[in-house]
Amino acid sequence: MTRNSKTALVILSIIALVSEFITGFPLLGGWYVLALGWQPLAFNAFIYLIMVLIFIFNRQNTIRPMLL
């Protein structure tokens, strides 16, 4: 895996982790998700989709055959 893809995955993982931490609180997280019209969950799904695409198009990755 190249250095750029590792850096991108680390940054995206941190963003997803912070977002999951905020939405994971029982009352506050539910209020936050409902107030924004489920947009935070769509944002998390988009971040995970980008991470999967990085894994698919990375030529030096061993997970690629498992995804296809």
C-alpha atoms as a PDB file:
ATOM      1  CA  MET A   1       0.000   0.000   0.000  1.00  0.00           C
ATOM      2  CA  THR A   2       1.408   3.352  -0.929  1.00  0.00           C
ATOM      3  CA  ARG A   3       2.063   6.083   1.552  1.00  0.00           C
ATOM      4  CA  ASN A   4      -0.650   8.362   0.133  1.00  0.00           C
ATOM      5  CA  SER A   5      -3.341   5.713   0.413  1.00  0.00           C
ATOM      6  CA  LYS A   6      -2.289   4.867   3.972  1.00  0.00           C
ATOM      7  CA  THR A   7      -2.458   8.528   4.923  1.00  0.00           C
ATOM      8  CA  ALA A   8      -5.877   8.909   3.312  1.00  0.00           C
ATOM      9  CA  LEU A   9      -7.175   5.832   5.124  1.00  0.00           C
ATOM     10  CA  VAL A  10      -5.873   7.075   8.474  1.00  0.00           C
ATOM     11  CA  ILE A  11      -7.503  10.488   8.001  1.00  0.00           C
ATOM     12  CA  LEU A  12     -10.804   8.943   6.888  1.00  0.00           C
ATOM     13  CA  SER A  13     -10.693   6.507   9.813  1.00  0.00           C
ATOM     14  CA  ILE A  14     -10.229   9.339  12.294  1.00  0.00           C
ATOM     15  CA  ILE A  15     -13.124  11.283  10.742  1.00  0.00           C
ATOM     16  CA  ALA A  16     -15.363   8.199  10.855  1.00  0.00           C
ATOM     17  CA  LEU A  17     -14.325   7.428  14.433  1.00  0.00           C
ATOM     18  CA  VAL A  18     -15.145  10.937  15.653  1.00  0.00           C
ATOM     19  CA  SER A  19     -18.465  10.891  13.820  1.00  0.00           C
ATOM     20  CA  GLU A  20     -19.366   7.483  15.259  1.00  0.00           C
ATOM     21  CA  PHE A  21     -18.370   8.707  18.719  1.00  0.00           C
ATOM     22  CA  ILE A  22     -20.685  11.725  18.470  1.00  0.00           C
ATOM     23  CA  THR A  23     -23.654   9.758  17.139  1.00  0.00           C
ATOM     24  CA  GLY A  24     -23.057   6.905  19.579  1.00  0.00           C
ATOM     25  CA  PHE A  25     -24.354   8.717  22.659  1.00  0.00           C
ATOM     26  CA  PRO A  26     -27.844   7.393  23.442  1.00  0.00           C
ATOM     27  CA  LEU A  27     -29.815  10.622  23.867  1.00  0.00           C
ATOM     28  CA  LEU A  28     -27.537  13.251  22.380  1.00  0.00           C
ATOM     29  CA  GLY A  29     -26.562  11.172  19.364  1.00  0.00           C
ATOM     30  CA  GLY A  30     -30.138  10.234  18.543  1.00  0.00           C
ATOM     31  CA  TRP A  31     -31.235  13.842  18.817  1.00  0.00           C
ATOM     32  CA  TYR A  32     -28.333  14.914  16.585  1.00  0.00           C
ATOM     33  CA  VAL A  33     -29.179  12.324  13.912  1.00  0.00           C
ATOM     34  CA  LEU A  34     -32.901  13.096  13.911  1.00  0.00           C
ATOM     35  CA  ALA A  35     -32.348  16.866  13.944  1.00  0.00           C
ATOM     36  CA  LEU A  36     -30.204  16.706  10.831  1.00  0.00           C
ATOM     37  CA  GLY A  37     -32.520  14.335   8.978  1.00  0.00           C
ATOM     38  CA  TRP A  38     -30.321  11.231   9.102  1.00  0.00           C
ATOM     39  CA  GLN A  39     -27.553  13.131   7.283  1.00  0.00           C
ATOM     40  CA  PRO A  40     -24.786  12.067   9.743  1.00  0.00           C
ATOM     41  CA  LEU A  41     -25.475   8.404   8.969  1.00  0.00           C
ATOM     42  CA  ALA A  42     -25.326   9.088   5.228  1.00  0.00           C
ATOM     43  CA  PHE A  43     -22.035  10.913   5.804  1.00  0.00           C
ATOM     44  CA  ASN A  44     -20.616   7.873   7.621  1.00  0.00           C
ATOM     45  CA  ALA A  45     -21.769   5.575   4.823  1.00  0.00           C
ATOM     46  CA  PHE A  46     -20.083   7.869   2.292  1.00  0.00           C
ATOM     47  CA  ILE A  47     -16.813   7.820   4.260  1.00  0.00           C
ATOM     48  CA  TYR A  48     -16.916   4.008   4.421  1.00  0.00           C
ATOM     49  CA  LEU A  49     -17.637   3.851   0.673  1.00  0.00           C
ATOM     50  CA  ILE A  50     -14.574   5.984  -0.046  1.00  0.00           C
ATOM     51  CA  MET A  51     -12.476   3.692   2.149  1.00  0.00           C
ATOM     52  CA  VAL A  52     -13.725   0.596   0.283  1.00  0.00           C
ATOM     53  CA  LEU A  53     -12.953   2.257  -3.050  1.00  0.00           C
ATOM     54  CA  ILE A  54      -9.405   2.994  -1.884  1.00  0.00           C
ATOM     55  CA  PHE A  55      -9.028  -0.683  -0.964  1.00  0.00           C
ATOM     56  CA  ILE A  56     -10.441  -1.822  -4.334  1.00  0.00           C
ATOM     57  CA  PHE A  57      -8.295   0.412  -6.533  1.00  0.00           C
ATOM     58  CA  ASN A  58      -5.079  -0.043  -4.581  1.00  0.00           C
ATOM     59  CA  ARG A  59      -2.846  -2.318  -6.633  1.00  0.00           C
ATOM     60  CA  GLN A  60      -0.672  -3.526  -3.760  1.00  0.00           C
ATOM     61  CA  ASN A  61      -3.469  -4.669  -1.478  1.00  0.00           C
ATOM     62  CA  THR A  62      -4.315  -8.244  -0.525  1.00  0.00           C
ATOM     63  CA  ILE A  63      -7.950  -7.481   0.315  1.00  0.00           C
ATOM     64  CA  ARG A  64      -8.804  -6.684  -3.306  1.00  0.00           C
ATOM     65  CA  PRO A  65      -9.719 -10.291  -4.296  1.00  0.00           C
ATOM     66  CA  MET A  66     -12.035 -10.508  -1.277  1.00  0.00           C
ATOM     67  CA  LEU A  67     -13.920  -7.375  -2.341  1.00  0.00           C
ATOM     68  CA  LEU A  68     -14.400  -8.477  -5.931  1.00  0.00           C
END
